[in-house]
Amino acid sequence: MIAQIRPSQLAAWLESVKEFGSPVVLDVREPCELQMASIKAEGFELITIPMGVIPARLHELNPSQPLACLCHHGARSMQVAYFLKARGFNHLANIAGGINAWSAEVDPTVPRY
């Protein structure tokens, strides 16, 4: 099962998985979306790989590292989380609501689009 966490719950999730390694937030949005709105890496490493190139760049991710997936609203990131789960990633979460919810719950300076 893949954990569904709201952006406001990310800090608690990061704390709960830190025993498994340094946590990563994987932003799977397109480069043009990253230019419009992005988050600050606080308490985690931020990696940006667009959803469409995850298979080709899978070697850049560590399957034993805790990883939370992020997109615009949470649908693409959930698909990526399932893809990673099928490839042996164990400590996964989907950030439900995506960066849109991040702006509403965590950092209102992040633009909504």
N, C-alpha and C. Protein backbone atom coordinates (compact mmCIF):
# COMPACT_ATOMS: atom_id res chain seq x y z
N MET A 1 0.83 -1.19 0.00
CA MET A 1 0.00 0.00 0.00
C MET A 1 0.88 1.25 0.00
N ILE A 2 0.46 2.25 -0.73
CA ILE A 2 1.19 3.50 -0.81
C ILE A 2 0.47 4.53 0.06
N ALA A 3 1.21 5.12 0.97
CA ALA A 3 0.64 6.11 1.88
C ALA A 3 0.16 7.33 1.11
N GLN A 4 -1.02 7.82 1.46
CA GLN A 4 -1.55 9.06 0.92
C GLN A 4 -1.40 10.11 2.01
N ILE A 5 -0.56 11.10 1.77
CA ILE A 5 -0.34 12.13 2.79
C ILE A 5 -0.64 13.50 2.19
N ARG A 6 -1.20 14.35 2.98
CA ARG A 6 -1.41 15.74 2.58
C ARG A 6 -0.10 16.48 2.77
N PRO A 7 0.11 17.59 2.07
CA PRO A 7 1.33 18.35 2.26
C PRO A 7 1.57 18.73 3.73
N SER A 8 0.50 19.03 4.45
CA SER A 8 0.64 19.40 5.87
C SER A 8 1.09 18.22 6.73
N GLN A 9 1.01 17.00 6.20
CA GLN A 9 1.42 15.80 6.94
C GLN A 9 2.82 15.32 6.54
N LEU A 10 3.45 15.99 5.57
CA LEU A 10 4.74 15.53 5.07
C LEU A 10 5.80 15.47 6.16
N ALA A 11 5.90 16.49 7.00
CA ALA A 11 6.92 16.51 8.05
C ALA A 11 6.80 15.29 8.97
N ALA A 12 5.58 14.93 9.33
CA ALA A 12 5.37 13.76 10.18
C ALA A 12 5.76 12.48 9.45
N TRP A 13 5.44 12.39 8.15
CA TRP A 13 5.82 11.22 7.37
C TRP A 13 7.34 11.12 7.27
N LEU A 14 8.00 12.25 7.01
CA LEU A 14 9.46 12.26 6.92
C LEU A 14 10.08 11.75 8.22
N GLU A 15 9.53 12.18 9.34
CA GLU A 15 10.03 11.74 10.65
C GLU A 15 9.82 10.24 10.82
N SER A 16 8.71 9.73 10.34
CA SER A 16 8.38 8.31 10.53
C SER A 16 9.23 7.38 9.68
N VAL A 17 9.85 7.89 8.62
CA VAL A 17 10.64 7.02 7.73
C VAL A 17 12.13 7.31 7.77
N LYS A 18 12.56 8.25 8.60
CA LYS A 18 13.98 8.63 8.58
C LYS A 18 14.91 7.48 8.96
N GLU A 19 14.41 6.49 9.69
CA GLU A 19 15.26 5.34 10.03
C GLU A 19 15.66 4.54 8.80
N PHE A 20 14.94 4.73 7.68
CA PHE A 20 15.24 3.99 6.45
C PHE A 20 16.17 4.75 5.51
N GLY A 21 16.57 5.95 5.90
CA GLY A 21 17.50 6.72 5.07
C GLY A 21 17.02 8.15 4.89
N SER A 22 17.84 8.89 4.19
CA SER A 22 17.54 10.30 3.93
C SER A 22 16.37 10.41 2.96
N PRO A 23 15.27 11.06 3.36
CA PRO A 23 14.08 11.09 2.52
C PRO A 23 14.20 12.01 1.31
N VAL A 24 13.44 11.65 0.29
CA VAL A 24 13.42 12.38 -0.98
C VAL A 24 11.98 12.74 -1.31
N VAL A 25 11.80 13.96 -1.82
CA VAL A 25 10.54 14.32 -2.47
C VAL A 25 10.85 14.34 -3.97
N LEU A 26 10.13 13.52 -4.70
CA LEU A 26 10.30 13.41 -6.15
C LEU A 26 9.19 14.19 -6.83
N ASP A 27 9.55 15.32 -7.43
CA ASP A 27 8.58 16.15 -8.15
C ASP A 27 8.56 15.67 -9.60
N VAL A 28 7.42 15.15 -10.05
CA VAL A 28 7.33 14.54 -11.38
C VAL A 28 6.65 15.46 -12.41
N ARG A 29 6.54 16.75 -12.07
CA ARG A 29 5.92 17.69 -13.00
C ARG A 29 6.88 18.06 -14.14
N GLU A 30 6.34 18.65 -15.18
CA GLU A 30 7.10 19.06 -16.35
C GLU A 30 7.93 20.31 -16.04
N PRO A 31 9.04 20.54 -16.77
CA PRO A 31 9.88 21.72 -16.52
C PRO A 31 9.11 23.04 -16.53
N CYS A 32 8.15 23.20 -17.43
CA CYS A 32 7.38 24.46 -17.46
C CYS A 32 6.56 24.64 -16.19
N GLU A 33 6.11 23.53 -15.59
CA GLU A 33 5.37 23.62 -14.33
C GLU A 33 6.31 24.00 -13.18
N LEU A 34 7.52 23.47 -13.22
CA LEU A 34 8.50 23.79 -12.18
C LEU A 34 8.85 25.28 -12.20
N GLN A 35 8.86 25.86 -13.39
CA GLN A 35 9.15 27.29 -13.51
C GLN A 35 8.03 28.13 -12.91
N MET A 36 6.80 27.64 -13.00
CA MET A 36 5.65 28.39 -12.46
C MET A 36 5.60 28.32 -10.94
N ALA A 37 5.89 27.14 -10.39
CA ALA A 37 5.76 26.94 -8.94
C ALA A 37 6.67 25.81 -8.51
N SER A 38 7.37 26.04 -7.41
CA SER A 38 8.26 25.01 -6.88
C SER A 38 8.28 25.10 -5.36
N ILE A 39 8.72 24.02 -4.74
CA ILE A 39 8.79 23.99 -3.28
C ILE A 39 10.25 24.08 -2.84
N LYS A 40 10.43 24.44 -1.58
CA LYS A 40 11.77 24.49 -0.98
C LYS A 40 12.03 23.16 -0.29
N ALA A 41 13.22 22.64 -0.47
CA ALA A 41 13.60 21.38 0.18
C ALA A 41 14.00 21.68 1.63
N GLU A 42 13.12 21.32 2.54
CA GLU A 42 13.39 21.52 3.97
C GLU A 42 13.15 20.20 4.69
N GLY A 43 14.24 19.54 5.09
CA GLY A 43 14.13 18.26 5.77
C GLY A 43 14.10 17.08 4.82
N PHE A 44 14.33 17.34 3.55
CA PHE A 44 14.34 16.29 2.53
C PHE A 44 15.16 16.76 1.34
N GLU A 45 15.57 15.80 0.51
CA GLU A 45 16.20 16.12 -0.76
C GLU A 45 15.10 16.24 -1.80
N LEU A 46 15.18 17.24 -2.65
CA LEU A 46 14.20 17.43 -3.72
C LEU A 46 14.83 17.01 -5.04
N ILE A 47 14.19 16.05 -5.71
CA ILE A 47 14.63 15.60 -7.03
C ILE A 47 13.49 15.87 -8.00
N THR A 48 13.82 16.44 -9.15
CA THR A 48 12.81 16.71 -10.16
C THR A 48 13.09 15.86 -11.40
N ILE A 49 12.17 14.97 -11.70
CA ILE A 49 12.24 14.14 -12.91
C ILE A 49 10.81 14.07 -13.47
N PRO A 50 10.60 14.58 -14.68
CA PRO A 50 9.25 14.52 -15.26
C PRO A 50 8.76 13.07 -15.37
N MET A 51 7.47 12.89 -15.15
CA MET A 51 6.86 11.57 -15.16
C MET A 51 7.26 10.74 -16.39
N GLY A 52 7.24 11.35 -17.55
CA GLY A 52 7.49 10.63 -18.79
C GLY A 52 8.89 10.06 -18.94
N VAL A 53 9.84 10.57 -18.16
CA VAL A 53 11.21 10.07 -18.28
C VAL A 53 11.67 9.28 -17.05
N ILE A 54 10.75 9.02 -16.14
CA ILE A 54 11.11 8.22 -14.95
C ILE A 54 11.72 6.87 -15.35
N PRO A 55 11.12 6.11 -16.28
CA PRO A 55 11.72 4.81 -16.60
C PRO A 55 13.19 4.92 -17.05
N ALA A 56 13.49 5.90 -17.88
CA ALA A 56 14.86 6.06 -18.38
C ALA A 56 15.82 6.57 -17.31
N ARG A 57 15.30 7.24 -16.30
CA ARG A 57 16.16 7.82 -15.26
C ARG A 57 16.01 7.11 -13.91
N LEU A 58 15.41 5.93 -13.92
CA LEU A 58 15.17 5.18 -12.70
C LEU A 58 16.46 4.95 -11.91
N HIS A 59 17.57 4.82 -12.61
CA HIS A 59 18.86 4.58 -11.95
C HIS A 59 19.29 5.75 -11.04
N GLU A 60 18.67 6.90 -11.19
CA GLU A 60 19.00 8.07 -10.36
C GLU A 60 18.34 8.01 -8.98
N LEU A 61 17.43 7.05 -8.80
CA LEU A 61 16.69 6.93 -7.53
C LEU A 61 17.14 5.69 -6.78
N ASN A 62 17.16 5.79 -5.47
CA ASN A 62 17.58 4.68 -4.61
C ASN A 62 16.34 3.98 -4.05
N PRO A 63 16.14 2.69 -4.40
CA PRO A 63 14.92 1.99 -3.96
C PRO A 63 14.80 1.83 -2.45
N SER A 64 15.90 1.97 -1.72
CA SER A 64 15.81 1.82 -0.26
C SER A 64 15.56 3.14 0.45
N GLN A 65 15.65 4.25 -0.27
CA GLN A 65 15.41 5.57 0.32
C GLN A 65 13.92 5.86 0.39
N PRO A 66 13.44 6.46 1.49
CA PRO A 66 12.04 6.90 1.55
C PRO A 66 11.79 7.97 0.49
N LEU A 67 10.67 7.85 -0.22
CA LEU A 67 10.41 8.73 -1.34
C LEU A 67 8.93 9.12 -1.37
N ALA A 68 8.68 10.42 -1.40
CA ALA A 68 7.32 10.94 -1.52
C ALA A 68 7.20 11.61 -2.88
N CYS A 69 6.18 11.24 -3.64
CA CYS A 69 5.98 11.76 -4.99
C CYS A 69 5.04 12.96 -4.98
N LEU A 70 5.36 13.94 -5.82
CA LEU A 70 4.61 15.19 -5.89
C LEU A 70 4.34 15.55 -7.35
N CYS A 71 3.14 16.04 -7.63
CA CYS A 71 2.82 16.60 -8.94
C CYS A 71 1.88 17.80 -8.73
N HIS A 72 1.04 18.10 -9.71
CA HIS A 72 0.15 19.26 -9.60
C HIS A 72 -1.00 19.01 -8.62
N HIS A 73 -1.72 17.90 -8.80
CA HIS A 73 -2.85 17.59 -7.93
C HIS A 73 -2.76 16.24 -7.24
N GLY A 74 -1.85 15.37 -7.65
CA GLY A 74 -1.67 14.08 -7.00
C GLY A 74 -1.93 12.86 -7.86
N ALA A 75 -2.42 13.04 -9.08
CA ALA A 75 -2.73 11.88 -9.93
C ALA A 75 -1.47 11.31 -10.59
N ARG A 76 -0.67 12.17 -11.22
CA ARG A 76 0.56 11.68 -11.85
C ARG A 76 1.51 11.10 -10.82
N SER A 77 1.62 11.78 -9.69
CA SER A 77 2.54 11.30 -8.65
C SER A 77 2.10 9.93 -8.13
N MET A 78 0.80 9.69 -8.08
CA MET A 78 0.31 8.39 -7.64
C MET A 78 0.68 7.31 -8.65
N GLN A 79 0.55 7.62 -9.93
CA GLN A 79 0.96 6.67 -10.96
C GLN A 79 2.45 6.35 -10.86
N VAL A 80 3.26 7.36 -10.62
CA VAL A 80 4.70 7.15 -10.46
C VAL A 80 4.97 6.30 -9.22
N ALA A 81 4.27 6.58 -8.14
CA ALA A 81 4.47 5.79 -6.91
C ALA A 81 4.16 4.32 -7.16
N TYR A 82 3.07 4.01 -7.87
CA TYR A 82 2.76 2.62 -8.20
C TYR A 82 3.83 2.01 -9.10
N PHE A 83 4.33 2.78 -10.05
CA PHE A 83 5.41 2.31 -10.93
C PHE A 83 6.65 1.96 -10.10
N LEU A 84 7.00 2.84 -9.17
CA LEU A 84 8.18 2.60 -8.33
C LEU A 84 7.98 1.40 -7.40
N LYS A 85 6.78 1.28 -6.85
CA LYS A 85 6.46 0.15 -5.97
C LYS A 85 6.67 -1.17 -6.72
N ALA A 86 6.24 -1.22 -7.97
CA ALA A 86 6.39 -2.43 -8.79
C ALA A 86 7.85 -2.73 -9.10
N ARG A 87 8.72 -1.75 -8.90
CA ARG A 87 10.14 -1.94 -9.16
C ARG A 87 10.98 -2.03 -7.89
N GLY A 88 10.33 -2.34 -6.78
CA GLY A 88 11.05 -2.65 -5.56
C GLY A 88 11.26 -1.52 -4.58
N PHE A 89 10.68 -0.36 -4.83
CA PHE A 89 10.77 0.74 -3.87
C PHE A 89 9.82 0.42 -2.72
N ASN A 90 10.31 0.57 -1.48
CA ASN A 90 9.54 0.11 -0.33
C ASN A 90 8.87 1.21 0.49
N HIS A 91 9.50 2.34 0.64
CA HIS A 91 9.01 3.39 1.54
C HIS A 91 8.52 4.56 0.70
N LEU A 92 7.27 4.44 0.24
CA LEU A 92 6.70 5.40 -0.69
C LEU A 92 5.49 6.11 -0.10
N ALA A 93 5.31 7.33 -0.56
CA ALA A 93 4.09 8.09 -0.23
C ALA A 93 3.73 8.92 -1.44
N ASN A 94 2.46 9.22 -1.56
CA ASN A 94 1.96 10.15 -2.56
C ASN A 94 1.49 11.40 -1.82
N ILE A 95 1.94 12.55 -2.29
CA ILE A 95 1.51 13.80 -1.67
C ILE A 95 0.18 14.19 -2.32
N ALA A 96 -0.90 13.82 -1.64
CA ALA A 96 -2.26 14.03 -2.16
C ALA A 96 -2.56 15.52 -2.25
N GLY A 97 -3.11 15.91 -3.37
CA GLY A 97 -3.41 17.32 -3.58
C GLY A 97 -2.30 18.06 -4.28
N GLY A 98 -1.10 17.46 -4.30
CA GLY A 98 0.03 18.01 -5.03
C GLY A 98 0.46 19.40 -4.60
N ILE A 99 1.11 20.07 -5.54
CA ILE A 99 1.64 21.40 -5.23
C ILE A 99 0.50 22.41 -5.04
N ASN A 100 -0.65 22.13 -5.62
CA ASN A 100 -1.81 22.99 -5.41
C ASN A 100 -2.18 23.00 -3.92
N ALA A 101 -2.24 21.80 -3.32
CA ALA A 101 -2.54 21.71 -1.89
C ALA A 101 -1.38 22.24 -1.05
N TRP A 102 -0.15 22.09 -1.55
CA TRP A 102 1.03 22.61 -0.84
C TRP A 102 0.87 24.11 -0.63
N SER A 103 0.44 24.79 -1.68
CA SER A 103 0.23 26.24 -1.59
C SER A 103 -0.83 26.59 -0.55
N ALA A 104 -1.88 25.80 -0.49
CA ALA A 104 -2.98 26.07 0.45
C ALA A 104 -2.63 25.68 1.89
N GLU A 105 -1.85 24.61 2.08
CA GLU A 105 -1.62 24.07 3.42
C GLU A 105 -0.28 24.41 4.05
N VAL A 106 0.75 24.61 3.22
CA VAL A 106 2.11 24.74 3.76
C VAL A 106 2.72 26.11 3.47
N ASP A 107 2.68 26.53 2.22
CA ASP A 107 3.38 27.76 1.84
C ASP A 107 2.55 28.55 0.83
N PRO A 108 1.79 29.54 1.30
CA PRO A 108 0.93 30.31 0.39
C PRO A 108 1.70 31.15 -0.63
N THR A 109 3.03 31.25 -0.48
CA THR A 109 3.81 32.01 -1.48
C THR A 109 4.04 31.17 -2.74
N VAL A 110 3.78 29.86 -2.67
CA VAL A 110 3.90 29.02 -3.86
C VAL A 110 2.70 29.32 -4.76
N PRO A 111 2.96 29.77 -5.99
CA PRO A 111 1.86 30.11 -6.88
C PRO A 111 0.98 28.89 -7.20
N ARG A 112 -0.30 29.16 -7.34
CA ARG A 112 -1.25 28.11 -7.77
C ARG A 112 -1.53 28.34 -9.24
N TYR A 113 -1.64 27.24 -9.95
CA TYR A 113 -1.91 27.34 -11.40
C TYR A 113 -2.88 26.25 -11.82
